[in-house]
Amino acid sequence: MLLSSSNQIKEECIRMYLKGMGFRAIERVKGVHHTTIIIWVKQLGQNLPDAPLSENIVFD
């Protein structure tokens, strides 16, 4: 499946963030405002499942 150029830029920005790059650094490289990138990351985070409660985690 081919991504539109805007979706491709969004994916690239999110990947850069996940690899440890800061929002403003991504802004400088990609030309996308840092608040837009923050919104994208927040939207992605809302789609993730909640972390398990610490009492349900078993340590070996």
Protein backbone atom coordinates (compact mmCIF):
# COMPACT_ATOMS: atom_id res chain seq x y z
CA MET A 1 0.00 0.00 0.00
CA LEU A 2 1.40 3.39 -0.98
CA LEU A 3 1.23 6.20 1.55
CA SER A 4 0.35 9.71 0.51
CA SER A 5 3.23 12.13 0.91
CA SER A 6 1.64 13.73 4.01
CA ASN A 7 1.18 10.33 5.66
CA GLN A 8 4.73 9.40 4.73
CA ILE A 9 6.10 12.57 6.34
CA LYS A 10 3.99 11.93 9.44
CA GLU A 11 5.32 8.36 9.70
CA GLU A 12 8.91 9.54 9.21
CA CYS A 13 8.53 12.18 11.93
CA ILE A 14 7.07 9.65 14.38
CA ARG A 15 9.85 7.15 13.62
CA MET A 16 12.46 9.86 14.21
CA TYR A 17 10.85 10.66 17.56
CA LEU A 18 10.74 6.99 18.56
CA LYS A 19 14.44 6.70 17.74
CA GLY A 20 15.17 9.48 20.23
CA MET A 21 15.18 12.65 18.18
CA GLY A 22 13.66 15.74 19.79
CA PHE A 23 10.60 17.55 18.48
CA ARG A 24 12.48 20.71 17.52
CA ALA A 25 15.25 18.74 15.83
CA ILE A 26 12.65 16.92 13.74
CA GLU A 27 11.10 20.30 12.96
CA ARG A 28 14.42 21.57 11.61
CA VAL A 29 15.06 18.45 9.51
CA LYS A 30 11.55 17.87 8.15
CA GLY A 31 10.11 21.38 8.12
CA VAL A 32 7.07 20.32 10.17
CA HIS A 33 6.20 22.49 13.16
CA HIS A 34 7.10 20.83 16.45
CA THR A 35 3.60 21.22 17.90
CA THR A 36 2.21 19.28 14.93
CA ILE A 37 4.63 16.45 15.68
CA ILE A 38 3.61 16.51 19.35
CA ILE A 39 -0.05 16.18 18.32
CA TRP A 40 0.78 13.23 16.05
CA VAL A 41 2.67 11.46 18.85
CA LYS A 42 -0.19 12.06 21.31
CA GLN A 43 -2.72 10.71 18.81
CA LEU A 44 -0.62 7.60 18.30
CA GLY A 45 -0.28 7.14 22.06
CA GLN A 46 -4.04 7.28 22.54
CA ASN A 47 -4.38 4.25 20.26
CA LEU A 48 -2.01 2.14 22.37
CA PRO A 49 -3.36 -0.19 25.06
CA ASP A 50 -2.98 0.91 28.66
CA ALA A 51 0.01 -0.43 30.56
CA PRO A 52 -0.79 -3.27 32.97
CA LEU A 53 -1.15 -2.38 36.63
CA SER A 54 2.05 -2.96 38.56
CA GLU A 55 0.32 -5.48 40.85
CA ASN A 56 -0.38 -7.68 37.80
CA ILE A 57 3.27 -7.82 36.73
CA VAL A 58 5.16 -10.95 37.76
CA PHE A 59 8.91 -10.66 38.21
CA ASP A 60 11.01 -13.83 38.03
